[in-house]
Amino acid sequence: MDAATLTYDTLGFGEFEDFPETSEPVWILGKEFNALTEKEDILSDVTSRLWFTYRKNFPPIGGTGPTSDTGWGCMLRCGQMILGEALVCRHLGRDWRWVRGQPQRGQYISILNETVLNIVRLALRKLTVLNIVRLALRKLTVFDSWSRLAVHVAMDNTVVMEEIKRLCMPWLDYGGAACAEPPGWMPKHNGCLEGACALAEEETALWKPLVLLIPLRLGLSDINKAYIETLKVGQSGEELIYLDPHTTQPAVEPCEDSQVPDDTYHCQHPPCRMHICEIDPSVAVGFFCRTEDDFDDWCMRIRKLSHTRGSLPMFELVDCQPSHFACSVDVLNLTPDFSDRSERFFDSEDEEFEILSL
């Protein structure tokens, strides 16, 4: 961290505040902590999340282009954190912890060295912010048979359960019954048997782990306070807990033994906090569902949350596609089969969303 430099967005965080000792529960990515008795556990959990920031001194993009993404790469870095967290949960589990100086597990090295870093090198070839995230998601879903993720972007503030189940279980027909395929059949992808290198193959044969992204507009210039209770995803009281990408650090390359110098990929100071009313109303919330049971449980919790007194639901959850969606292509499944018409949603730079949490 000695080599890190602060940008215009983080000048106010030159000195990091210690995590407050509060009697209110602290939530970090779905896990509840007690700040009075589990402060070290909170900091360990935050440190174990993959932290992606601006980088400098990487090879020029396109041979003659920028050597740093300072000032324009924050959307990409937020996308990296979403995907990195999904891959850690997919291969290492939510309770995995990173400890500085300890030997790295093979799966962890693959997440950094093969899946995340290589995808970003490909993504940096395009400078359009939304195209960068789209390209990174596409490379992940098309070429990464090790993780076998399904990525779904729900548009128009609507999550259609049927579409997600069709995406994560493509070998089922629209009615939920298995297609007539020979015993032992599994979908093939880019000439490779999907799941052959994945963990828990018997689980992923039935369900492709899901990364669900939901872009939202929760106000005009400020967040509508009616959404505050339903938005709390990583928080303590009225403060959001977050990892800030707006710090510039030197680029990192793998060592000859394929080990990754990874200290700068983990935030080793107390996490940043801000009052929830200060968040930009244009956000995207993200969720990871490893199994079908996880997704069903998520649906149940979202429906329960939508009935919170005095609050508005951030998005709608429906069983089947509404009739007014019949001719719409607003729901994007970022799977290997891309239609030309879905490209139009990433051609404009009019909208930019910050990925908030997973």
Protein backbone atom coordinates (compact mmCIF):
# COMPACT_ATOMS: atom_id res chain seq x y z
CA MET A 1 0.00 0.00 0.00
CA ASP A 2 3.01 2.32 0.32
CA ALA A 3 3.02 2.72 -3.47
CA ALA A 4 -0.69 3.54 -3.75
CA THR A 5 -1.76 7.05 -4.70
CA LEU A 6 -5.10 8.67 -3.98
CA THR A 7 -7.22 10.15 -6.78
CA TYR A 8 -9.73 12.97 -6.73
CA ASP A 9 -12.43 10.65 -5.39
CA THR A 10 -10.52 9.43 -2.35
CA LEU A 11 -8.65 12.48 -1.15
CA GLY A 12 -11.04 12.60 1.78
CA PHE A 13 -10.01 9.11 2.84
CA GLY A 14 -6.32 9.77 3.31
CA GLU A 15 -6.74 8.71 6.93
CA PHE A 16 -9.05 5.76 7.41
CA GLU A 17 -11.35 5.70 10.40
CA ASP A 18 -11.40 2.63 12.57
CA PHE A 19 -14.52 0.52 12.33
CA PRO A 20 -17.03 1.82 14.89
CA GLU A 21 -18.01 -0.21 17.92
CA THR A 22 -21.77 -0.26 17.65
CA SER A 23 -24.49 -2.40 19.15
CA GLU A 24 -26.32 -2.50 15.82
CA PRO A 25 -25.78 -5.57 13.64
CA VAL A 26 -23.22 -5.28 10.86
CA TRP A 27 -24.01 -6.97 7.53
CA ILE A 28 -21.28 -7.91 5.05
CA LEU A 29 -22.51 -9.63 1.88
CA GLY A 30 -25.26 -11.57 3.60
CA LYS A 31 -23.40 -12.39 6.83
CA GLU A 32 -24.32 -10.78 10.14
CA PHE A 33 -21.68 -9.70 12.65
CA ASN A 34 -21.59 -8.16 16.11
CA ALA A 35 -19.20 -5.19 16.05
CA LEU A 36 -18.71 -5.37 19.81
CA THR A 37 -17.53 -8.99 19.91
CA GLU A 38 -16.57 -9.80 16.29
CA LYS A 39 -14.65 -6.75 15.13
CA GLU A 40 -11.63 -8.77 14.01
CA ASP A 41 -13.93 -11.13 12.12
CA ILE A 42 -15.51 -8.16 10.33
CA LEU A 43 -12.13 -6.81 9.24
CA SER A 44 -10.95 -10.28 8.18
CA ASP A 45 -14.08 -10.75 6.10
CA VAL A 46 -13.65 -7.39 4.37
CA THR A 47 -9.94 -8.01 3.77
CA SER A 48 -10.74 -11.36 2.17
CA ARG A 49 -12.91 -9.76 -0.52
CA LEU A 50 -11.10 -9.12 -3.81
CA TRP A 51 -10.42 -5.38 -4.12
CA PHE A 52 -9.86 -4.00 -7.60
CA THR A 53 -8.71 -0.43 -8.12
CA TYR A 54 -7.23 1.81 -10.78
CA ARG A 55 -3.86 0.57 -12.03
CA LYS A 56 -0.92 2.31 -13.68
CA ASN A 57 2.12 1.29 -15.73
CA PHE A 58 0.44 -1.61 -17.50
CA PRO A 59 1.33 -2.24 -21.19
CA PRO A 60 -0.18 0.44 -23.49
CA ILE A 61 -3.69 -0.49 -24.59
CA GLY A 62 -3.57 -1.32 -28.27
CA GLY A 63 0.19 -0.78 -28.27
CA THR A 64 0.01 3.02 -28.18
CA GLY A 65 -2.89 3.78 -25.84
CA PRO A 66 -3.19 4.56 -22.12
CA THR A 67 -1.00 2.85 -19.56
CA SER A 68 -3.34 3.69 -16.69
CA ASP A 69 -7.10 3.58 -16.20
CA THR A 70 -7.13 6.31 -13.55
CA GLY A 71 -10.20 8.48 -13.98
CA TRP A 72 -12.10 6.18 -16.36
CA GLY A 73 -11.74 2.57 -15.23
CA CYS A 74 -13.84 2.57 -12.04
CA MET A 75 -16.81 0.86 -13.72
CA LEU A 76 -14.54 -1.93 -14.90
CA ARG A 77 -13.04 -2.29 -11.42
CA CYS A 78 -16.50 -2.51 -9.82
CA GLY A 79 -17.39 -5.17 -12.39
CA GLN A 80 -14.22 -7.03 -11.47
CA MET A 81 -15.19 -7.00 -7.81
CA ILE A 82 -18.64 -8.39 -8.60
CA LEU A 83 -17.19 -11.18 -10.73
CA GLY A 84 -14.31 -11.81 -8.35
CA GLU A 85 -16.67 -12.25 -5.41
CA ALA A 86 -18.89 -14.59 -7.44
CA LEU A 87 -15.87 -16.70 -8.41
CA VAL A 88 -14.59 -16.86 -4.83
CA CYS A 89 -18.02 -18.01 -3.64
CA ARG A 90 -18.19 -20.45 -6.55
CA HIS A 91 -14.81 -22.12 -6.02
CA LEU A 92 -13.67 -21.31 -2.47
CA GLY A 93 -16.91 -20.68 -0.59
CA ARG A 94 -18.31 -17.62 1.19
CA ASP A 95 -16.41 -18.41 4.40
CA TRP A 96 -12.98 -18.55 2.72
CA ARG A 97 -10.48 -16.17 4.28
CA TRP A 98 -7.35 -14.58 2.85
CA VAL A 99 -4.34 -14.32 5.17
CA ARG A 100 -1.37 -12.25 4.12
CA GLY A 101 1.75 -14.31 3.44
CA GLN A 102 0.08 -17.71 3.50
CA PRO A 103 0.50 -20.07 0.50
CA GLN A 104 -2.15 -19.53 -2.14
CA ARG A 105 -4.58 -22.27 -3.15
CA GLY A 106 -4.70 -23.33 -6.77
CA GLN A 107 -8.31 -22.20 -7.23
CA TYR A 108 -7.48 -18.77 -5.85
CA ILE A 109 -4.55 -18.38 -8.23
CA SER A 110 -6.80 -19.35 -11.14
CA ILE A 111 -9.41 -16.77 -10.12
CA LEU A 112 -6.80 -14.00 -10.16
CA ASN A 113 -4.40 -15.14 -12.86
CA GLU A 114 -6.59 -16.92 -15.38
CA THR A 115 -10.19 -15.81 -15.02
CA VAL A 116 -10.24 -12.24 -13.69
CA LEU A 117 -6.93 -10.72 -14.82
CA ASN A 118 -6.97 -12.22 -18.32
CA ILE A 119 -10.56 -11.13 -18.89
CA VAL A 120 -9.66 -7.59 -17.86
CA ARG A 121 -6.73 -7.53 -20.28
CA LEU A 122 -9.20 -8.39 -23.03
CA ALA A 123 -11.76 -5.90 -21.75
CA LEU A 124 -9.27 -3.02 -21.70
CA ARG A 125 -9.12 -3.10 -25.48
CA LYS A 126 -12.40 -1.15 -25.55
CA LEU A 127 -12.71 2.17 -23.81
CA THR A 128 -16.51 2.54 -23.74
CA VAL A 129 -17.39 2.01 -20.09
CA LEU A 130 -20.48 -0.16 -20.55
CA ASN A 131 -18.83 -2.07 -23.39
CA ILE A 132 -15.93 -2.91 -21.06
CA VAL A 133 -18.23 -4.56 -18.53
CA ARG A 134 -20.23 -6.27 -21.27
CA LEU A 135 -17.07 -7.67 -22.87
CA ALA A 136 -15.73 -8.91 -19.54
CA LEU A 137 -19.02 -10.67 -18.80
CA ARG A 138 -19.11 -12.16 -22.28
CA LYS A 139 -15.56 -13.51 -22.07
CA LEU A 140 -16.36 -15.03 -18.69
CA THR A 141 -19.49 -16.85 -19.79
CA VAL A 142 -18.25 -17.91 -23.22
CA PHE A 143 -14.72 -19.08 -22.49
CA ASP A 144 -14.68 -20.07 -18.83
CA SER A 145 -15.94 -23.66 -18.67
CA TRP A 146 -14.16 -24.02 -15.32
CA SER A 147 -16.60 -21.74 -13.51
CA ARG A 148 -19.62 -22.41 -15.71
CA LEU A 149 -21.44 -19.28 -14.59
CA ALA A 150 -24.70 -17.97 -15.99
CA VAL A 151 -24.93 -14.16 -16.05
CA HIS A 152 -28.32 -12.45 -16.23
CA VAL A 153 -28.95 -8.72 -16.47
CA ALA A 154 -32.57 -7.91 -15.54
CA MET A 155 -33.79 -4.73 -17.22
CA ASP A 156 -36.85 -2.55 -16.61
CA ASN A 157 -36.61 -3.19 -12.85
CA THR A 158 -38.10 -6.66 -13.37
CA VAL A 159 -36.69 -10.09 -12.51
CA VAL A 160 -38.52 -12.92 -14.31
CA MET A 161 -38.04 -16.19 -12.45
CA GLU A 162 -38.93 -18.34 -15.47
CA GLU A 163 -36.26 -16.71 -17.62
CA ILE A 164 -33.59 -17.25 -14.99
CA LYS A 165 -34.48 -20.90 -14.51
CA ARG A 166 -34.43 -21.35 -18.27
CA LEU A 167 -30.96 -19.77 -18.36
CA CYS A 168 -29.51 -21.77 -15.47
CA MET A 169 -31.14 -25.04 -16.54
CA PRO A 170 -31.13 -24.81 -20.36
CA TRP A 171 -31.66 -28.55 -20.69
CA LEU A 172 -35.22 -28.10 -19.38
CA ASP A 173 -38.12 -27.15 -21.59
CA TYR A 174 -40.15 -23.99 -20.94
CA GLY A 175 -42.55 -25.85 -18.70
CA GLY A 176 -39.80 -26.99 -16.37
CA ALA A 177 -39.72 -30.61 -17.59
CA ALA A 178 -36.52 -32.25 -18.71
CA CYS A 179 -35.91 -32.37 -22.44
CA ALA A 180 -35.69 -35.74 -24.07
CA GLU A 181 -31.94 -36.30 -24.03
CA PRO A 182 -30.01 -39.54 -23.63
CA PRO A 183 -28.92 -40.58 -20.10
CA GLY A 184 -25.76 -38.83 -18.93
CA TRP A 185 -26.21 -35.99 -21.40
CA MET A 186 -24.73 -32.64 -20.47
CA PRO A 187 -24.58 -29.45 -22.56
CA LYS A 188 -21.36 -28.89 -24.47
CA HIS A 189 -19.75 -25.50 -24.66
CA ASN A 190 -17.04 -24.44 -27.09
CA GLY A 191 -16.23 -28.09 -27.68
CA CYS A 192 -15.68 -28.78 -23.97
CA LEU A 193 -17.89 -30.69 -21.58
CA GLU A 194 -19.18 -28.03 -19.22
CA GLY A 195 -18.47 -28.68 -15.57
CA ALA A 196 -15.65 -31.11 -16.28
CA CYS A 197 -13.26 -28.96 -14.24
CA ALA A 198 -15.83 -27.50 -11.88
CA LEU A 199 -16.32 -28.17 -8.21
CA ALA A 200 -19.43 -30.05 -7.10
CA GLU A 201 -20.04 -31.33 -10.63
CA GLU A 202 -23.16 -33.18 -9.59
CA GLU A 203 -24.67 -29.86 -8.46
CA THR A 204 -23.68 -27.80 -11.49
CA ALA A 205 -24.99 -30.52 -13.80
CA LEU A 206 -28.43 -29.46 -12.61
CA TRP A 207 -27.95 -25.71 -12.16
CA LYS A 208 -25.42 -23.26 -13.61
CA PRO A 209 -24.33 -20.89 -10.79
CA LEU A 210 -26.03 -17.55 -11.34
CA VAL A 211 -24.69 -14.00 -11.29
CA LEU A 212 -27.75 -11.74 -11.32
CA LEU A 213 -27.29 -8.02 -12.02
CA ILE A 214 -30.17 -5.55 -11.71
CA PRO A 215 -29.53 -1.95 -12.92
CA LEU A 216 -31.75 0.48 -11.02
CA ARG A 217 -32.65 4.14 -10.86
CA LEU A 218 -33.71 4.91 -7.29
CA GLY A 219 -34.23 8.64 -7.62
CA LEU A 220 -33.33 11.66 -9.75
CA SER A 221 -30.35 13.49 -8.30
CA ASP A 222 -30.65 11.87 -4.85
CA ILE A 223 -31.86 8.51 -3.65
CA ASN A 224 -35.55 8.30 -2.80
CA LYS A 225 -35.67 7.58 0.92
CA ALA A 226 -38.50 5.10 0.36
CA TYR A 227 -35.88 2.69 -1.07
CA ILE A 228 -33.38 2.96 1.77
CA GLU A 229 -34.49 -0.01 3.87
CA THR A 230 -34.63 -2.39 0.91
CA LEU A 231 -31.24 -1.18 -0.38
CA LYS A 232 -29.25 -2.05 2.74
CA VAL A 233 -26.93 -4.82 1.54
CA GLY A 234 -23.64 -4.15 3.29
CA GLN A 235 -24.28 -1.82 6.18
CA SER A 236 -24.10 -0.84 9.80
CA GLY A 237 -27.03 1.27 10.91
CA GLU A 238 -27.49 4.01 8.30
CA GLU A 239 -23.97 3.65 6.87
CA LEU A 240 -23.06 1.63 3.80
CA ILE A 241 -19.81 -0.35 3.89
CA TYR A 242 -17.93 -0.45 0.59
CA LEU A 243 -14.64 -1.01 -1.21
CA ASP A 244 -13.57 2.04 -3.20
CA PRO A 245 -11.93 1.48 -6.62
CA HIS A 246 -10.68 5.09 -6.84
CA THR A 247 -7.14 4.38 -5.68
CA THR A 248 -4.30 4.07 -8.20
CA GLN A 249 -1.84 1.24 -7.64
CA PRO A 250 0.98 -0.14 -9.82
CA ALA A 251 0.05 -2.90 -12.25
CA VAL A 252 0.81 -6.43 -11.08
CA GLU A 253 2.07 -9.28 -13.25
CA PRO A 254 2.23 -12.97 -12.24
CA CYS A 255 5.57 -14.35 -11.09
CA GLU A 256 7.41 -17.05 -13.04
CA ASP A 257 5.93 -19.72 -10.75
CA SER A 258 2.42 -18.44 -11.60
CA GLN A 259 2.00 -17.07 -8.09
CA VAL A 260 0.36 -13.63 -7.98
CA PRO A 261 1.71 -10.82 -5.76
CA ASP A 262 -1.72 -10.27 -4.27
CA ASP A 263 -1.33 -7.87 -1.34
CA THR A 264 -2.79 -4.99 -3.37
CA TYR A 265 -5.84 -7.07 -4.29
CA HIS A 266 -7.05 -7.05 -0.69
CA CYS A 267 -8.03 -3.96 1.28
CA GLN A 268 -5.97 -4.11 4.47
CA HIS A 269 -7.35 -1.01 6.13
CA PRO A 270 -10.83 -0.52 7.63
CA PRO A 271 -13.43 -0.35 4.85
CA CYS A 272 -14.88 2.92 3.66
CA ARG A 273 -18.29 3.96 4.96
CA MET A 274 -20.82 6.57 3.89
CA HIS A 275 -24.34 7.52 4.84
CA ILE A 276 -26.84 5.72 2.68
CA CYS A 277 -28.45 9.01 1.60
CA GLU A 278 -25.18 9.99 -0.12
CA ILE A 279 -25.24 7.16 -2.64
CA ASP A 280 -25.86 7.94 -6.30
CA PRO A 281 -29.40 6.84 -7.26
CA SER A 282 -28.12 5.08 -10.40
CA VAL A 283 -26.85 1.74 -9.14
CA ALA A 284 -26.80 -1.92 -10.03
CA VAL A 285 -27.31 -4.54 -7.35
CA GLY A 286 -25.80 -7.97 -7.79
CA PHE A 287 -26.51 -11.40 -6.36
CA PHE A 288 -24.86 -14.82 -6.60
CA CYS A 289 -26.92 -18.02 -6.39
CA ARG A 290 -24.76 -21.13 -6.43
CA THR A 291 -27.67 -23.60 -6.50
CA GLU A 292 -31.34 -23.63 -7.41
CA ASP A 293 -32.16 -23.75 -3.70
CA ASP A 294 -30.15 -20.55 -3.23
CA PHE A 295 -32.19 -18.86 -5.94
CA ASP A 296 -35.51 -20.07 -4.52
CA ASP A 297 -34.45 -18.79 -1.10
CA TRP A 298 -33.47 -15.45 -2.64
CA CYS A 299 -36.90 -15.15 -4.27
CA MET A 300 -38.60 -15.85 -0.95
CA ARG A 301 -36.50 -13.21 0.84
CA ILE A 302 -37.07 -10.60 -1.88
CA ARG A 303 -40.82 -11.10 -1.70
CA LYS A 304 -40.75 -10.79 2.07
CA LEU A 305 -38.61 -7.66 1.81
CA SER A 306 -41.03 -6.08 -0.65
CA HIS A 307 -43.63 -5.99 2.12
CA THR A 308 -41.43 -3.96 4.48
CA ARG A 309 -43.61 -1.27 6.01
CA GLY A 310 -42.91 2.25 4.77
CA SER A 311 -40.56 1.09 2.00
CA LEU A 312 -40.80 0.60 -1.75
CA PRO A 313 -39.41 -2.48 -3.51
CA MET A 314 -36.42 -1.63 -5.69
CA PHE A 315 -37.54 -4.01 -8.43
CA GLU A 316 -40.36 -6.38 -9.30
CA LEU A 317 -40.09 -10.16 -9.02
CA VAL A 318 -42.52 -12.10 -11.24
CA ASP A 319 -43.00 -15.76 -12.05
CA CYS A 320 -43.43 -15.42 -15.82
CA GLN A 321 -42.71 -12.79 -18.42
CA PRO A 322 -45.41 -10.06 -18.33
CA SER A 323 -47.49 -9.72 -21.47
CA HIS A 324 -46.12 -6.24 -22.19
CA PHE A 325 -42.64 -7.82 -22.39
CA ALA A 326 -43.68 -10.10 -25.24
CA CYS A 327 -41.93 -8.07 -27.93
CA SER A 328 -39.22 -6.67 -25.69
CA VAL A 329 -35.53 -7.56 -25.61
CA ASP A 330 -34.88 -5.66 -22.42
CA VAL A 331 -33.84 -8.74 -20.46
CA LEU A 332 -30.30 -9.78 -21.27
CA ASN A 333 -28.93 -13.26 -20.69
CA LEU A 334 -25.18 -13.01 -21.19
CA THR A 335 -24.77 -16.58 -22.38
CA PRO A 336 -22.70 -17.91 -25.31
CA ASP A 337 -25.67 -17.41 -27.67
CA PHE A 338 -25.80 -13.66 -28.33
CA SER A 339 -28.33 -12.21 -30.72
CA ASP A 340 -27.47 -9.09 -32.66
CA ARG A 341 -30.43 -7.18 -31.27
CA SER A 342 -29.22 -7.52 -27.67
CA GLU A 343 -26.11 -5.53 -28.57
CA ARG A 344 -28.03 -2.27 -28.80
CA PHE A 345 -28.37 -2.03 -25.04
CA PHE A 346 -24.63 -1.53 -24.66
CA ASP A 347 -24.09 0.81 -27.60
CA SER A 348 -24.97 4.01 -25.76
CA GLU A 349 -22.96 5.87 -23.16
CA ASP A 350 -26.03 7.81 -21.96
CA GLU A 351 -26.42 5.64 -18.85
CA GLU A 352 -23.70 4.57 -16.44
CA PHE A 353 -24.40 2.39 -13.44
CA GLU A 354 -22.18 1.78 -10.42
CA ILE A 355 -22.23 -1.84 -9.30
CA LEU A 356 -22.93 -1.65 -5.61
CA SER A 357 -22.66 -5.05 -3.98
CA LEU A 358 -23.09 -8.76 -4.45
